[in-house]
Amino acid sequence: MASVNQTFVVTPRTGPAKAGAADRVRGFDEIYADFTPVAGAGQSSRCAQCGVPFCQTGCPLQNNIPDWLKLAAEGRAEEAWRQAEATSTLPEICGRICPQDRLCEGSCTLEQAGWETVTIGSVERWLGDMAFENGWVDPIRPRIERGTSVGIVGAGPAGMAAADRLRSAGYAVTVYDRHDRAGGLLTYGIPGFKLEKHVVRRRLDRLADGGVEFRLGVDVGGDLPFAEVRAAHDAVLVATGVYQARRLTAPGCGSDGVVAALDYLIASNRKGFGDAVPAFDGGVLNASGKRVVVIGGGDTAMDCVRTAVRQGAVSVTCLYRRDRDNMPGSAREVANAEEEGVVFEWLAAPRAVLGEAERVTGVRAQRMALAAQSVDGRWSVEPVPGGEFDLAADLVIEALGFDPEDMPDLFSEPDLALTEWRTIRTAGHTKATTLEGVFAAGDIVRGASLVVWAVRDGQDAAAEIDAWLTSRQRAAA
């Protein structure tokens, strides 16, 4: 039988159907549709089945991408799904929000050779959605109960991934989170046009149905001392993420109308859930009818500009101090934002926030030029003489990144060691902290990063916790 793979010579790269910009900006629905079975199999068949799969090495999860592309091309979709879920606890989520252009698809041999990459992320999403629709997603039913428990602080992607693996291994798992809904940034940080909330909800429901206990609205270190969490469990995983927003230090940045990106996105997502959000209804965290300037160049900035368009902003401008090629956010998201009417001011940095009577009226910016490239490929910038200009603004959103909270102080654990970046220090390549039986994973260890890295860290932490608890039980026997 002739192979249905390696058809990249005759099959052009085609992505899934995408809603037109004029239609999609009217709401917060996802803008991409799933592949049809014929299209999904056809795009999977483009895989070159390389001897050295650079797509796999470019994936933080080391997903067996060529294997499940081959199976999907052959019409063996359920088997392809089994391969996809073997290495990832959130494949259909990563298929939606990973910057594949910088990871697996960017590493694809076809992309490097000029044939255009395989649409890996879209196939992964299609397989995942099909798995839920067809009942292929198995419930968590541990073969044995270990009689030991693990507490997880943080219900974001790292915590969800660890909870999945630990509960599947038979541990009693309790997840604590300060928010009233689980999911972390998947629920409150990422807008619905990239990740509809039912996609997150079905993963959380699977965990809860499998016996994972969620204690929500609980501020560990605040109303619940961390010492009590440690005492209640045989091991603890800290997967809190990093949520302390970096703020502008320019003159005028304390004016009314200057807001943090996460506050803005949480308010928008809460409105999507139907919550009462006074700051949104009062206009503080609502872009409707306003001239909006977003400062920053990452995916959070892209989420903000595209949210502002949907809220009915008069104009939306993104101010970024480097050029397009050096922007850290996904190139796909930049292109989507441009289609939706967002204006990008490249090589421009904020100098001051302008205002009258403590109310924002604009941003004074400075033209920048690329200066020198560091060993990691990052370019420094320098001001262009005489390059100041003003942008009108009624709402300025700071999307400058996130820093960790002071975890030793928050947890009243002075022996919890930190790195020079104030993230939690772990021993070597492990997830073990300086506190006995306490592990850490995700952004609170590596700094603000991608969801796929949080999933990888959560899965690795679960394996390490399993090994540590098993060794203790053997030693006690």
Protein backbone atom coordinates (compact mmCIF):
# COMPACT_ATOMS: atom_id res chain seq x y z
CA MET A 1 0.00 0.00 0.00
CA ALA A 2 1.38 3.43 -0.92
CA SER A 3 2.20 5.69 1.99
CA VAL A 4 -0.17 8.58 2.69
CA ASN A 5 2.67 10.47 4.35
CA GLN A 6 5.31 12.85 2.99
CA THR A 7 2.86 14.56 0.63
CA PHE A 8 4.34 18.03 1.20
CA VAL A 9 5.44 18.15 -2.44
CA VAL A 10 1.86 17.96 -3.72
CA THR A 11 -0.20 19.13 -0.72
CA PRO A 12 0.09 22.84 0.11
CA ARG A 13 0.07 24.04 3.69
CA THR A 14 -3.43 25.15 4.66
CA GLY A 15 -4.54 26.27 8.08
CA PRO A 16 -7.99 25.80 9.57
CA ALA A 17 -10.78 28.19 8.65
CA LYS A 18 -10.44 31.58 10.34
CA ALA A 19 -13.27 34.05 10.92
CA GLY A 20 -12.94 37.34 9.08
CA ALA A 21 -11.71 40.28 11.13
CA ALA A 22 -14.92 42.28 10.73
CA ASP A 23 -16.97 39.41 12.17
CA ARG A 24 -14.65 38.12 14.87
CA VAL A 25 -14.12 41.49 16.62
CA ARG A 26 -17.82 41.52 17.53
CA GLY A 27 -17.33 38.90 20.21
CA PHE A 28 -14.92 36.75 22.17
CA ASP A 29 -15.40 33.42 20.41
CA GLU A 30 -12.31 31.58 19.17
CA ILE A 31 -11.39 32.78 15.71
CA TYR A 32 -10.13 29.44 14.35
CA ALA A 33 -12.32 26.44 13.53
CA ASP A 34 -11.19 22.84 13.89
CA PHE A 35 -10.03 20.95 10.82
CA THR A 36 -12.52 18.66 9.15
CA PRO A 37 -11.34 15.02 9.28
CA VAL A 38 -10.33 15.17 5.62
CA ALA A 39 -8.40 18.42 6.05
CA GLY A 40 -6.79 17.27 9.30
CA ALA A 41 -5.59 14.03 7.75
CA GLY A 42 -4.42 15.86 4.65
CA GLN A 43 -2.37 18.41 6.55
CA SER A 44 -0.92 15.66 8.76
CA SER A 45 0.19 13.82 5.63
CA ARG A 46 2.54 16.70 4.76
CA CYS A 47 4.92 15.61 7.55
CA ALA A 48 8.28 14.57 6.05
CA GLN A 49 8.76 11.90 8.77
CA CYS A 50 12.31 13.13 9.33
CA GLY A 51 14.98 10.84 10.70
CA VAL A 52 15.79 13.56 13.22
CA PRO A 53 12.48 15.22 14.18
CA PHE A 54 13.41 18.81 14.98
CA CYS A 55 9.75 19.57 15.69
CA GLN A 56 9.95 17.21 18.66
CA THR A 57 13.17 18.73 20.01
CA GLY A 58 11.65 22.19 19.52
CA CYS A 59 8.70 21.26 21.74
CA PRO A 60 9.21 21.78 25.50
CA LEU A 61 7.14 18.63 26.10
CA GLN A 62 9.13 16.59 23.58
CA ASN A 63 5.83 15.50 22.06
CA ASN A 64 5.99 12.54 19.65
CA ILE A 65 4.82 14.80 16.83
CA PRO A 66 5.86 12.77 13.75
CA ASP A 67 4.25 9.66 15.24
CA TRP A 68 0.84 11.20 15.77
CA LEU A 69 0.96 13.08 12.48
CA LYS A 70 1.59 9.76 10.71
CA LEU A 71 -1.29 8.07 12.50
CA ALA A 72 -3.62 10.99 11.78
CA ALA A 73 -2.67 10.92 8.10
CA GLU A 74 -3.54 7.23 7.97
CA GLY A 75 -6.99 7.88 9.42
CA ARG A 76 -6.10 6.40 12.81
CA ALA A 77 -7.21 9.47 14.76
CA GLU A 78 -7.82 7.81 18.12
CA GLU A 79 -4.37 6.22 18.06
CA ALA A 80 -2.92 9.60 17.13
CA TRP A 81 -4.70 11.09 20.12
CA ARG A 82 -3.24 8.44 22.43
CA GLN A 83 0.23 9.41 21.25
CA ALA A 84 -0.51 13.10 21.81
CA GLU A 85 -1.84 12.66 25.33
CA ALA A 86 1.00 10.35 26.35
CA THR A 87 3.38 13.27 26.72
CA SER A 88 0.99 16.15 27.41
CA THR A 89 -1.77 16.58 29.97
CA LEU A 90 -3.22 19.60 28.10
CA PRO A 91 -2.69 18.93 24.37
CA GLU A 92 -5.83 20.61 23.04
CA ILE A 93 -5.00 23.70 25.12
CA CYS A 94 -1.38 23.87 23.99
CA GLY A 95 -2.59 23.35 20.42
CA ARG A 96 -4.55 26.58 20.78
CA ILE A 97 -2.20 28.90 22.65
CA CYS A 98 1.38 27.73 22.10
CA PRO A 99 3.48 30.02 19.89
CA GLN A 100 4.11 27.16 17.48
CA ASP A 101 5.87 29.52 15.10
CA ARG A 102 8.66 29.82 17.69
CA LEU A 103 8.60 26.18 18.80
CA CYS A 104 7.62 23.01 16.92
CA GLU A 105 6.47 24.59 13.65
CA GLY A 106 9.40 26.99 13.58
CA SER A 107 11.76 24.02 13.98
CA CYS A 108 10.08 21.92 11.29
CA THR A 109 12.46 20.73 8.58
CA LEU A 110 9.98 21.74 5.88
CA GLU A 111 9.89 25.28 7.26
CA GLN A 112 13.68 25.47 7.21
CA ALA A 113 13.78 24.05 3.66
CA GLY A 114 11.24 26.50 2.24
CA TRP A 115 8.30 24.06 1.89
CA GLU A 116 6.29 25.67 4.72
CA THR A 117 5.82 24.01 8.06
CA VAL A 118 3.26 21.37 8.96
CA THR A 119 0.28 22.87 10.84
CA ILE A 120 1.20 20.97 14.01
CA GLY A 121 -0.71 23.08 16.50
CA SER A 122 -3.96 22.97 14.54
CA VAL A 123 -3.74 19.17 14.16
CA GLU A 124 -3.09 18.82 17.90
CA ARG A 125 -6.13 20.94 18.70
CA TRP A 126 -8.28 18.99 16.21
CA LEU A 127 -7.26 15.64 17.72
CA GLY A 128 -7.95 16.88 21.23
CA ASP A 129 -11.38 18.28 20.45
CA MET A 130 -12.29 15.11 18.57
CA ALA A 131 -11.17 13.04 21.54
CA PHE A 132 -13.55 14.82 23.89
CA GLU A 133 -16.40 14.69 21.37
CA ASN A 134 -15.96 10.94 20.80
CA GLY A 135 -15.35 9.89 24.40
CA TRP A 136 -11.71 8.96 23.90
CA VAL A 137 -10.58 10.96 26.94
CA ASP A 138 -10.39 8.40 29.70
CA PRO A 139 -11.53 9.33 33.20
CA ILE A 140 -8.92 9.30 35.95
CA ARG A 141 -9.36 5.98 37.75
CA PRO A 142 -6.19 5.04 39.69
CA ARG A 143 -5.47 1.32 39.84
CA ILE A 144 -4.36 1.69 43.45
CA GLU A 145 -4.75 4.30 46.17
CA ARG A 146 -1.37 5.16 47.69
CA GLY A 147 -2.67 6.33 51.05
CA THR A 148 -0.60 9.50 50.83
CA SER A 149 -1.56 13.02 49.80
CA VAL A 150 -0.09 15.93 47.91
CA GLY A 151 -1.12 19.56 48.25
CA ILE A 152 -0.73 21.81 45.21
CA VAL A 153 -0.72 25.58 45.68
CA GLY A 154 -1.91 27.08 42.40
CA ALA A 155 -4.57 25.82 39.98
CA GLY A 156 -2.94 27.07 36.80
CA PRO A 157 -1.40 24.91 34.05
CA ALA A 158 1.53 23.67 36.15
CA GLY A 159 -0.78 22.73 39.01
CA MET A 160 -3.32 21.13 36.67
CA ALA A 161 -0.64 19.05 34.94
CA ALA A 162 0.82 17.86 38.23
CA ALA A 163 -2.62 17.08 39.66
CA ASP A 164 -3.45 14.96 36.60
CA ARG A 165 -0.29 12.86 36.87
CA LEU A 166 -0.33 12.52 40.65
CA ARG A 167 -4.00 11.57 40.90
CA SER A 168 -3.55 9.07 38.05
CA ALA A 169 -0.76 7.51 40.12
CA GLY A 170 -3.10 7.07 43.07
CA TYR A 171 -2.27 10.01 45.31
CA ALA A 172 -4.92 12.04 47.08
CA VAL A 173 -4.54 15.52 45.61
CA THR A 174 -5.83 18.83 46.92
CA VAL A 175 -5.38 21.98 44.83
CA TYR A 176 -5.54 25.38 46.54
CA ASP A 177 -6.09 28.62 44.65
CA ARG A 178 -6.86 32.19 45.67
CA HIS A 179 -9.32 32.70 42.80
CA ASP A 180 -12.92 31.54 42.83
CA ARG A 181 -12.37 29.51 39.66
CA ALA A 182 -9.54 27.11 38.89
CA GLY A 183 -7.36 27.40 35.80
CA GLY A 184 -5.12 30.34 36.67
CA LEU A 185 -4.19 32.35 33.59
CA LEU A 186 -6.02 29.84 31.39
CA THR A 187 -9.24 31.02 33.02
CA TYR A 188 -8.62 34.65 33.90
CA GLY A 189 -5.63 35.80 31.83
CA ILE A 190 -6.13 34.46 28.31
CA PRO A 191 -9.11 35.88 26.36
CA GLY A 192 -11.79 33.65 24.92
CA PHE A 193 -10.87 34.44 21.31
CA LYS A 194 -7.71 32.39 21.91
CA LEU A 195 -9.06 29.87 24.41
CA GLU A 196 -12.75 29.47 25.07
CA LYS A 197 -13.43 28.72 28.71
CA HIS A 198 -15.34 25.49 28.16
CA VAL A 199 -12.06 24.00 26.87
CA VAL A 200 -10.44 24.68 30.24
CA ARG A 201 -13.55 23.69 32.15
CA ARG A 202 -13.70 20.18 30.71
CA ARG A 203 -10.11 19.54 31.81
CA LEU A 204 -10.88 20.79 35.30
CA ASP A 205 -14.06 18.71 35.40
CA ARG A 206 -12.03 15.62 34.50
CA LEU A 207 -9.69 16.27 37.42
CA ALA A 208 -12.56 16.82 39.84
CA ASP A 209 -14.42 13.73 38.57
CA GLY A 210 -11.22 11.76 39.08
CA GLY A 211 -11.02 12.71 42.74
CA VAL A 212 -8.90 15.85 42.76
CA GLU A 213 -10.19 18.22 45.45
CA PHE A 214 -10.21 21.93 44.66
CA ARG A 215 -10.21 24.45 47.48
CA LEU A 216 -10.89 27.74 45.75
CA GLY A 217 -10.99 31.27 47.10
CA VAL A 218 -8.28 30.24 49.55
CA ASP A 219 -5.25 32.51 49.86
CA VAL A 220 -2.40 30.29 51.00
CA GLY A 221 -0.09 32.44 53.07
CA GLY A 222 -2.98 34.79 53.79
CA ASP A 223 -6.13 33.31 55.30
CA LEU A 224 -4.60 29.81 55.23
CA PRO A 225 -1.03 29.59 56.60
CA PHE A 226 1.39 27.65 54.42
CA ALA A 227 2.44 25.69 57.51
CA GLU A 228 -1.06 24.23 57.70
CA VAL A 229 -0.89 23.11 54.09
CA ARG A 230 2.45 21.40 54.74
CA ALA A 231 1.06 19.70 57.85
CA ALA A 232 -1.99 18.42 55.95
CA HIS A 233 -0.02 16.64 53.21
CA ASP A 234 2.90 14.30 52.69
CA ALA A 235 4.32 16.59 50.01
CA VAL A 236 3.51 20.05 48.66
CA LEU A 237 3.98 21.54 45.21
CA VAL A 238 4.16 25.32 44.86
CA ALA A 239 2.83 26.26 41.41
CA THR A 240 1.57 29.77 42.05
CA GLY A 241 2.90 31.40 38.91
CA VAL A 242 4.09 35.01 38.91
CA TYR A 243 1.44 37.69 39.09
CA GLN A 244 3.12 40.83 40.40
CA ALA A 245 2.92 43.25 37.50
CA ARG A 246 5.92 45.28 36.43
CA ARG A 247 4.86 48.91 36.36
CA LEU A 248 6.00 51.98 34.48
CA THR A 249 8.34 54.32 36.29
CA ALA A 250 7.93 57.20 33.83
CA PRO A 251 6.49 60.55 34.98
CA GLY A 252 2.72 60.52 35.20
CA CYS A 253 2.37 56.74 35.38
CA GLY A 254 0.29 57.04 38.56
CA SER A 255 -2.47 58.92 36.77
CA ASP A 256 -6.01 57.63 36.55
CA GLY A 257 -6.35 55.64 33.36
CA VAL A 258 -3.05 53.75 33.68
CA VAL A 259 -3.82 50.11 34.49
CA ALA A 260 -1.99 46.80 34.75
CA ALA A 261 -2.57 44.28 31.96
CA LEU A 262 -3.64 41.42 34.20
CA ASP A 263 -6.19 43.56 36.06
CA TYR A 264 -7.61 44.55 32.70
CA LEU A 265 -7.75 40.99 31.33
CA ILE A 266 -9.22 39.53 34.54
CA ALA A 267 -12.00 42.11 34.46
CA SER A 268 -12.80 41.27 30.85
CA ASN A 269 -12.83 37.53 31.49
CA ARG A 270 -15.00 37.96 34.56
CA LYS A 271 -17.53 39.88 32.50
CA GLY A 272 -17.49 36.95 30.09
CA PHE A 273 -18.47 34.70 32.97
CA GLY A 274 -21.32 37.04 33.85
CA ASP A 275 -19.75 38.29 37.08
CA ALA A 276 -20.40 41.71 38.54
CA VAL A 277 -17.26 43.76 37.86
CA PRO A 278 -17.65 47.32 39.19
CA ALA A 279 -14.30 48.48 37.79
CA PHE A 280 -15.42 47.37 34.34
CA ASP A 281 -18.93 48.75 34.57
CA GLY A 282 -17.57 52.06 35.86
CA GLY A 283 -15.21 52.34 32.91
CA VAL A 284 -11.88 51.98 34.75
CA LEU A 285 -11.09 48.59 33.19
CA ASN A 286 -13.17 48.97 30.03
CA ALA A 287 -11.84 50.23 26.69
CA SER A 288 -15.24 51.12 25.22
CA GLY A 289 -15.14 54.49 23.46
CA LYS A 290 -11.52 55.13 24.43
CA ARG A 291 -8.21 55.71 22.72
CA VAL A 292 -6.05 52.87 24.03
CA VAL A 293 -2.28 52.56 24.18
CA VAL A 294 -0.79 49.23 25.25
CA ILE A 295 2.86 49.24 26.27
CA GLY A 296 4.71 45.96 25.78
CA GLY A 297 5.50 43.35 23.16
CA GLY A 298 4.63 39.94 24.57
CA ASP A 299 1.57 37.74 24.21
CA THR A 300 -0.08 39.53 27.15
CA ALA A 301 0.16 42.78 25.21
CA MET A 302 -1.43 41.06 22.21
CA ASP A 303 -4.25 39.80 24.43
CA CYS A 304 -4.83 43.36 25.65
CA VAL A 305 -4.89 45.06 22.26
CA ARG A 306 -7.23 42.49 20.78
CA THR A 307 -9.51 42.65 23.84
CA ALA A 308 -9.66 46.44 23.58
CA VAL A 309 -10.78 46.20 19.94
CA ARG A 310 -13.62 43.87 20.95
CA GLN A 311 -14.68 46.18 23.75
CA GLY A 312 -15.23 48.97 21.24
CA ALA A 313 -12.13 51.15 21.62
CA VAL A 314 -11.94 54.15 19.29
CA SER A 315 -8.31 53.33 18.50
CA VAL A 316 -5.75 50.81 19.76
CA THR A 317 -2.01 51.31 19.52
CA CYS A 318 0.75 48.99 20.70
CA LEU A 319 3.99 50.68 21.75
CA TYR A 320 7.07 48.45 21.68
CA ARG A 321 10.69 49.52 22.07
CA ARG A 322 12.20 46.98 19.65
CA ASP A 323 11.25 46.07 16.09
CA ARG A 324 8.84 43.45 14.80
CA ASP A 325 11.51 40.78 14.37
CA ASN A 326 12.56 41.11 18.01
CA MET A 327 9.09 41.12 19.49
CA PRO A 328 8.74 38.29 22.05
CA GLY A 329 5.07 37.62 21.31
CA SER A 330 3.74 35.21 18.71
CA ALA A 331 4.03 36.44 15.12
CA ARG A 332 0.61 34.90 14.49
CA GLU A 333 -0.93 37.05 17.22
CA VAL A 334 0.68 40.19 15.84
CA ALA A 335 -0.76 39.43 12.40
CA ASN A 336 -4.21 38.78 13.88
CA ALA A 337 -4.06 42.06 15.79
CA GLU A 338 -3.11 43.99 12.66
CA GLU A 339 -6.02 42.42 10.77
CA GLU A 340 -8.30 43.63 13.56
CA GLY A 341 -7.15 47.23 13.26
CA VAL A 342 -4.41 47.52 15.88
CA VAL A 343 -1.64 50.00 15.03
CA PHE A 344 1.91 49.06 16.02
CA GLU A 345 4.49 51.70 16.88
CA TRP A 346 7.72 49.74 16.58
CA LEU A 347 11.00 50.97 18.06
CA ALA A 348 9.18 53.31 20.41
CA ALA A 349 9.48 53.52 24.20
CA PRO A 350 7.35 55.46 26.70
CA ARG A 351 8.91 58.57 28.20
CA ALA A 352 5.96 59.98 30.14
CA VAL A 353 2.24 59.67 30.63
CA LEU A 354 0.45 62.89 29.81
CA GLY A 355 -2.62 64.05 31.65
CA GLU A 356 -4.87 66.79 32.91
CA ALA A 357 -6.23 66.88 36.46
CA GLU A 358 -4.58 63.49 37.09
CA ARG A 359 -6.44 61.96 34.14
CA VAL A 360 -4.59 60.39 31.22
CA THR A 361 -4.67 62.24 27.92
CA GLY A 362 -1.74 60.65 26.13
CA VAL A 363 1.69 59.05 26.11
CA ARG A 364 4.92 60.77 25.20
CA ALA A 365 7.14 58.29 23.41
CA GLN A 366 10.71 58.17 22.18
CA ARG A 367 11.86 56.69 18.89
CA MET A 368 14.50 54.01 19.44
CA ALA A 369 17.11 52.30 17.27
CA LEU A 370 18.63 48.84 17.57
CA ALA A 371 22.13 49.21 19.01
CA ALA A 372 23.94 45.93 19.68
CA GLN A 373 23.10 42.24 19.78
CA SER A 374 23.93 40.20 22.89
CA VAL A 375 25.14 36.60 22.90
CA ASP A 376 21.55 35.36 23.34
CA GLY A 377 20.48 37.23 20.18
CA ARG A 378 18.65 39.97 22.05
CA TRP A 379 19.17 43.49 20.72
CA SER A 380 19.71 46.48 22.97
CA VAL A 381 18.15 49.79 21.97
CA GLU A 382 19.15 53.43 22.17
CA PRO A 383 17.18 56.67 21.76
CA VAL A 384 17.05 58.42 18.42
CA PRO A 385 17.98 62.09 18.93
CA GLY A 386 14.97 64.34 18.46
CA GLY A 387 12.68 61.33 18.21
CA GLU A 388 10.00 62.27 20.74
CA PHE A 389 6.33 62.11 19.72
CA ASP A 390 2.95 62.05 21.45
CA LEU A 391 0.07 59.58 21.22
CA ALA A 392 -3.43 60.49 22.38
CA ALA A 393 -4.79 58.06 24.99
CA ASP A 394 -7.65 57.75 27.45
CA LEU A 395 -6.51 54.33 28.68
CA VAL A 396 -2.91 53.14 29.03
CA ILE A 397 -2.37 49.43 29.68
CA GLU A 398 0.99 48.31 31.04
CA ALA A 399 1.91 44.87 29.65
CA LEU A 400 5.52 44.85 30.79
CA GLY A 401 5.67 41.37 32.26
CA PHE A 402 5.40 39.87 35.71
CA ASP A 403 7.61 39.34 38.75
CA PRO A 404 7.18 36.86 41.61
CA GLU A 405 5.78 37.78 44.96
CA ASP A 406 8.01 37.59 48.04
CA MET A 407 7.32 33.90 48.66
CA PRO A 408 9.33 33.44 51.91
CA ASP A 409 7.47 36.39 53.43
CA LEU A 410 4.08 35.33 52.01
CA PHE A 411 4.47 31.79 53.32
CA SER A 412 6.26 32.81 56.55
CA GLU A 413 9.07 30.44 55.52
CA PRO A 414 12.40 32.31 55.81
CA ASP A 415 14.29 29.13 54.88
CA LEU A 416 12.65 29.00 51.44
CA ALA A 417 15.57 30.02 49.24
CA LEU A 418 15.20 32.27 46.23
CA THR A 419 17.27 32.98 43.14
CA GLU A 420 18.68 36.40 42.30
CA TRP A 421 15.51 36.95 40.24
CA ARG A 422 13.36 36.29 43.35
CA THR A 423 11.97 33.05 41.92
CA ILE A 424 12.03 29.92 44.08
CA ARG A 425 15.37 28.16 44.00
CA THR A 426 15.32 24.44 43.31
CA ALA A 427 18.17 21.98 43.67
CA GLY A 428 20.03 21.53 40.39
CA HIS A 429 17.71 20.16 37.70
CA THR A 430 15.16 18.96 40.26
CA LYS A 431 11.96 20.55 41.51
CA ALA A 432 12.94 20.23 45.19
CA THR A 433 13.10 23.46 47.20
CA THR A 434 15.13 24.07 50.34
CA LEU A 435 12.13 23.00 52.45
CA GLU A 436 11.78 19.27 53.12
CA GLY A 437 8.93 17.78 51.11
CA VAL A 438 8.19 21.03 49.28
CA PHE A 439 8.62 21.20 45.51
CA ALA A 440 8.06 24.03 43.04
CA ALA A 441 7.25 24.20 39.33
CA GLY A 442 6.23 26.57 36.58
CA ASP A 443 6.72 30.32 36.42
CA ILE A 444 7.47 30.63 40.13
CA VAL A 445 10.70 28.75 39.35
CA ARG A 446 11.59 29.78 35.78
CA GLY A 447 10.01 33.25 35.72
CA ALA A 448 7.18 34.36 33.46
CA SER A 449 7.14 31.92 30.56
CA LEU A 450 4.92 29.89 28.27
CA VAL A 451 2.00 27.67 29.28
CA VAL A 452 3.69 24.69 27.61
CA TRP A 453 6.71 25.09 29.89
CA ALA A 454 4.40 25.20 32.91
CA VAL A 455 2.80 21.94 31.75
CA ARG A 456 6.24 20.36 31.31
CA ASP A 457 7.33 21.51 34.76
CA GLY A 458 4.13 20.29 36.39
CA GLN A 459 4.48 16.84 34.83
CA ASP A 460 8.16 16.62 35.79
CA ALA A 461 7.36 17.73 39.33
CA ALA A 462 4.68 15.05 39.64
CA ALA A 463 7.17 12.36 38.60
CA GLU A 464 9.71 13.66 41.09
CA ILE A 465 7.19 13.85 43.93
CA ASP A 466 6.09 10.28 43.13
CA ALA A 467 9.69 9.06 43.29
CA TRP A 468 10.35 10.95 46.53
CA LEU A 469 7.23 9.66 48.29
CA THR A 470 7.86 6.11 47.05
CA SER A 471 11.43 6.16 48.37
CA ARG A 472 10.21 7.39 51.76
CA GLN A 473 7.61 4.65 51.97
CA ARG A 474 10.24 2.02 51.12
CA ALA A 475 12.59 3.42 53.73
CA ALA A 476 9.85 3.30 56.35
CA ALA A 477 8.83 -0.25 55.53
